[in-house]
């Protein structure tokens, strides 16, 4: 179901009268309508139809990925190092919190 804001944006794409039919799978949009909707909602056509390798990514995230791909190799490696370090730290912190919670539970049972 579209929110009011989404409905207003669909009106801008000149597809608002039929948007409900698409939601109920009573009608299938044309390629032209899919392109208009993708532009209005700032997503790819793949994202709208839920198909393709990049279907789960919005245009902002795709742009970020493209920007990373344009970086020189040394900068990319540094960026990936920072990402992995952050992920590792998050996982490590989570494990510490789980262990601490288990320790407190054991202490409460004694």
C-alpha atoms as a PDB file:
ATOM      1  CA  UNK A   1       0.000   0.000   0.000  1.00  0.00           C
ATOM      2  CA  UNK A   2       1.406   3.416  -0.944  1.00  0.00           C
ATOM      3  CA  UNK A   3       1.853   6.108   1.647  1.00  0.00           C
ATOM      4  CA  UNK A   4       0.384   9.530   0.932  1.00  0.00           C
ATOM      5  CA  UNK A   5       3.819  10.853  -0.052  1.00  0.00           C
ATOM      6  CA  UNK A   6       4.391   7.913  -2.407  1.00  0.00           C
ATOM      7  CA  UNK A   7       0.951   8.477  -3.914  1.00  0.00           C
ATOM      8  CA  UNK A   8       1.811  12.143  -4.519  1.00  0.00           C
ATOM      9  CA  UNK A   9       5.050  11.088  -6.191  1.00  0.00           C
ATOM     10  CA  UNK A  10       3.174   8.569  -8.324  1.00  0.00           C
ATOM     11  CA  UNK A  11       0.883  11.389  -9.408  1.00  0.00           C
ATOM     12  CA  UNK A  12       3.967  13.268 -10.595  1.00  0.00           C
ATOM     13  CA  UNK A  13       4.872  10.235 -12.698  1.00  0.00           C
ATOM     14  CA  UNK A  14       1.351  10.335 -14.120  1.00  0.00           C
ATOM     15  CA  UNK A  15       0.567   6.789 -12.984  1.00  0.00           C
ATOM     16  CA  UNK A  16      -1.478   7.412  -9.834  1.00  0.00           C
ATOM     17  CA  UNK A  17      -4.896   6.276 -11.143  1.00  0.00           C
ATOM     18  CA  UNK A  18      -3.575   2.804 -11.890  1.00  0.00           C
ATOM     19  CA  UNK A  19      -1.029   2.337  -9.100  1.00  0.00           C
ATOM     20  CA  UNK A  20      -3.502   0.311  -7.027  1.00  0.00           C
ATOM     21  CA  UNK A  21      -3.886  -2.156  -9.886  1.00  0.00           C
ATOM     22  CA  UNK A  22      -0.137  -2.772  -9.804  1.00  0.00           C
ATOM     23  CA  UNK A  23      -0.197  -3.275  -6.026  1.00  0.00           C
ATOM     24  CA  UNK A  24      -2.995  -5.859  -6.345  1.00  0.00           C
ATOM     25  CA  UNK A  25      -1.318  -7.539  -9.336  1.00  0.00           C
ATOM     26  CA  UNK A  26      -4.449  -6.767 -11.359  1.00  0.00           C
ATOM     27  CA  UNK A  27      -2.386  -5.065 -14.038  1.00  0.00           C
ATOM     28  CA  UNK A  28       1.238  -4.988 -15.155  1.00  0.00           C
ATOM     29  CA  UNK A  29       2.970  -1.663 -15.830  1.00  0.00           C
ATOM     30  CA  UNK A  30       4.551  -0.992 -19.197  1.00  0.00           C
ATOM     31  CA  UNK A  31       8.278  -0.451 -19.526  1.00  0.00           C
ATOM     32  CA  UNK A  32       7.635   3.293 -19.870  1.00  0.00           C
ATOM     33  CA  UNK A  33       5.669   3.341 -16.605  1.00  0.00           C
ATOM     34  CA  UNK A  34       8.382   1.317 -14.836  1.00  0.00           C
ATOM     35  CA  UNK A  35      10.980   3.844 -15.968  1.00  0.00           C
ATOM     36  CA  UNK A  36       8.833   6.764 -14.758  1.00  0.00           C
ATOM     37  CA  UNK A  37       8.288   5.094 -11.381  1.00  0.00           C
ATOM     38  CA  UNK A  38      11.999   4.313 -11.036  1.00  0.00           C
ATOM     39  CA  UNK A  39      12.838   7.970 -11.652  1.00  0.00           C
ATOM     40  CA  UNK A  40      10.202   9.282  -9.242  1.00  0.00           C
ATOM     41  CA  UNK A  41      11.225   6.915  -6.425  1.00  0.00           C
ATOM     42  CA  UNK A  42      14.957   7.195  -7.236  1.00  0.00           C
ATOM     43  CA  UNK A  43      15.464   3.452  -7.623  1.00  0.00           C
ATOM     44  CA  UNK A  44      16.396   1.168 -10.500  1.00  0.00           C
ATOM     45  CA  UNK A  45      13.845  -0.692 -12.595  1.00  0.00           C
ATOM     46  CA  UNK A  46      15.421  -3.899 -11.231  1.00  0.00           C
ATOM     47  CA  UNK A  47      14.584  -2.673  -7.737  1.00  0.00           C
ATOM     48  CA  UNK A  48      10.935  -2.040  -8.669  1.00  0.00           C
ATOM     49  CA  UNK A  49      10.420  -5.442 -10.249  1.00  0.00           C
ATOM     50  CA  UNK A  50      12.541  -7.229  -7.642  1.00  0.00           C
ATOM     51  CA  UNK A  51      14.706  -9.020 -10.186  1.00  0.00           C
ATOM     52  CA  UNK A  52      18.350  -8.928 -11.101  1.00  0.00           C
ATOM     53  CA  UNK A  53      21.598  -8.890  -9.208  1.00  0.00           C
ATOM     54  CA  UNK A  54      21.149  -5.295  -8.020  1.00  0.00           C
ATOM     55  CA  UNK A  55      17.422  -5.457  -7.243  1.00  0.00           C
ATOM     56  CA  UNK A  56      17.915  -4.950  -3.502  1.00  0.00           C
ATOM     57  CA  UNK A  57      20.048  -1.827  -3.908  1.00  0.00           C
ATOM     58  CA  UNK A  58      18.664   1.678  -4.202  1.00  0.00           C
ATOM     59  CA  UNK A  59      20.291   4.280  -6.446  1.00  0.00           C
ATOM     60  CA  UNK A  60      22.170   5.966  -3.595  1.00  0.00           C
ATOM     61  CA  UNK A  61      23.854   2.708  -2.637  1.00  0.00           C
ATOM     62  CA  UNK A  62      24.590   1.882  -6.288  1.00  0.00           C
ATOM     63  CA  UNK A  63      26.195   5.324  -6.664  1.00  0.00           C
ATOM     64  CA  UNK A  64      28.380   4.680  -3.618  1.00  0.00           C
ATOM     65  CA  UNK A  65      29.493   1.348  -5.046  1.00  0.00           C
ATOM     66  CA  UNK A  66      30.306   2.991  -8.384  1.00  0.00           C
ATOM     67  CA  UNK A  67      32.280   5.710  -6.576  1.00  0.00           C
ATOM     68  CA  UNK A  68      34.293   3.080  -4.705  1.00  0.00           C
ATOM     69  CA  UNK A  69      35.037   1.253  -7.953  1.00  0.00           C
ATOM     70  CA  UNK A  70      36.536   4.474  -9.377  1.00  0.00           C
ATOM     71  CA  UNK A  71      39.060   4.801  -6.530  1.00  0.00           C
ATOM     72  CA  UNK A  72      42.687   3.877  -7.020  1.00  0.00           C
ATOM     73  CA  UNK A  73      43.674   0.424  -5.767  1.00  0.00           C
ATOM     74  CA  UNK A  74      45.525   1.643  -2.659  1.00  0.00           C
ATOM     75  CA  UNK A  75      42.557   3.747  -1.525  1.00  0.00           C
ATOM     76  CA  UNK A  76      40.175   0.827  -2.133  1.00  0.00           C
ATOM     77  CA  UNK A  77      42.362  -1.483  -0.059  1.00  0.00           C
ATOM     78  CA  UNK A  78      42.467   1.078   2.768  1.00  0.00           C
ATOM     79  CA  UNK A  79      38.693   1.499   2.637  1.00  0.00           C
ATOM     80  CA  UNK A  80      38.133  -2.272   2.721  1.00  0.00           C
ATOM     81  CA  UNK A  81      40.552  -2.531   5.655  1.00  0.00           C
ATOM     82  CA  UNK A  82      38.507   0.084   7.555  1.00  0.00           C
ATOM     83  CA  UNK A  83      35.260  -1.724   6.754  1.00  0.00           C
ATOM     84  CA  UNK A  84      36.617  -5.097   7.855  1.00  0.00           C
ATOM     85  CA  UNK A  85      38.104  -3.614  11.025  1.00  0.00           C
ATOM     86  CA  UNK A  86      34.753  -2.029  11.887  1.00  0.00           C
ATOM     87  CA  UNK A  87      32.876  -5.267  11.210  1.00  0.00           C
ATOM     88  CA  UNK A  88      35.360  -7.268  13.238  1.00  0.00           C
ATOM     89  CA  UNK A  89      35.062  -4.817  16.120  1.00  0.00           C
ATOM     90  CA  UNK A  90      31.265  -5.015  16.019  1.00  0.00           C
ATOM     91  CA  UNK A  91      31.312  -8.824  16.006  1.00  0.00           C
ATOM     92  CA  UNK A  92      33.873  -8.905  18.812  1.00  0.00           C
ATOM     93  CA  UNK A  93      31.838  -6.461  20.907  1.00  0.00           C
ATOM     94  CA  UNK A  94      28.695  -8.525  20.365  1.00  0.00           C
ATOM     95  CA  UNK A  95      30.492 -11.679  21.497  1.00  0.00           C
ATOM     96  CA  UNK A  96      31.766  -9.872  24.595  1.00  0.00           C
ATOM     97  CA  UNK A  97      28.244  -8.671  25.432  1.00  0.00           C
ATOM     98  CA  UNK A  98      26.811 -12.173  24.965  1.00  0.00           C
ATOM     99  CA  UNK A  99      29.510 -13.631  27.215  1.00  0.00           C
ATOM    100  CA  UNK A 100      28.918 -10.955  29.854  1.00  0.00           C
ATOM    101  CA  UNK A 101      25.161 -11.575  29.776  1.00  0.00           C
ATOM    102  CA  UNK A 102      25.748 -15.311  30.215  1.00  0.00           C
ATOM    103  CA  UNK A 103      28.122 -14.637  33.130  1.00  0.00           C
ATOM    104  CA  UNK A 104      25.535 -12.395  34.824  1.00  0.00           C
ATOM    105  CA  UNK A 105      22.817 -15.012  34.308  1.00  0.00           C
ATOM    106  CA  UNK A 106      25.021 -17.685  35.876  1.00  0.00           C
ATOM    107  CA  UNK A 107      25.806 -15.364  38.799  1.00  0.00           C
ATOM    108  CA  UNK A 108      22.090 -14.728  39.367  1.00  0.00           C
ATOM    109  CA  UNK A 109      21.395 -18.481  39.483  1.00  0.00           C
ATOM    110  CA  UNK A 110      24.000 -19.077  42.218  1.00  0.00           C
END
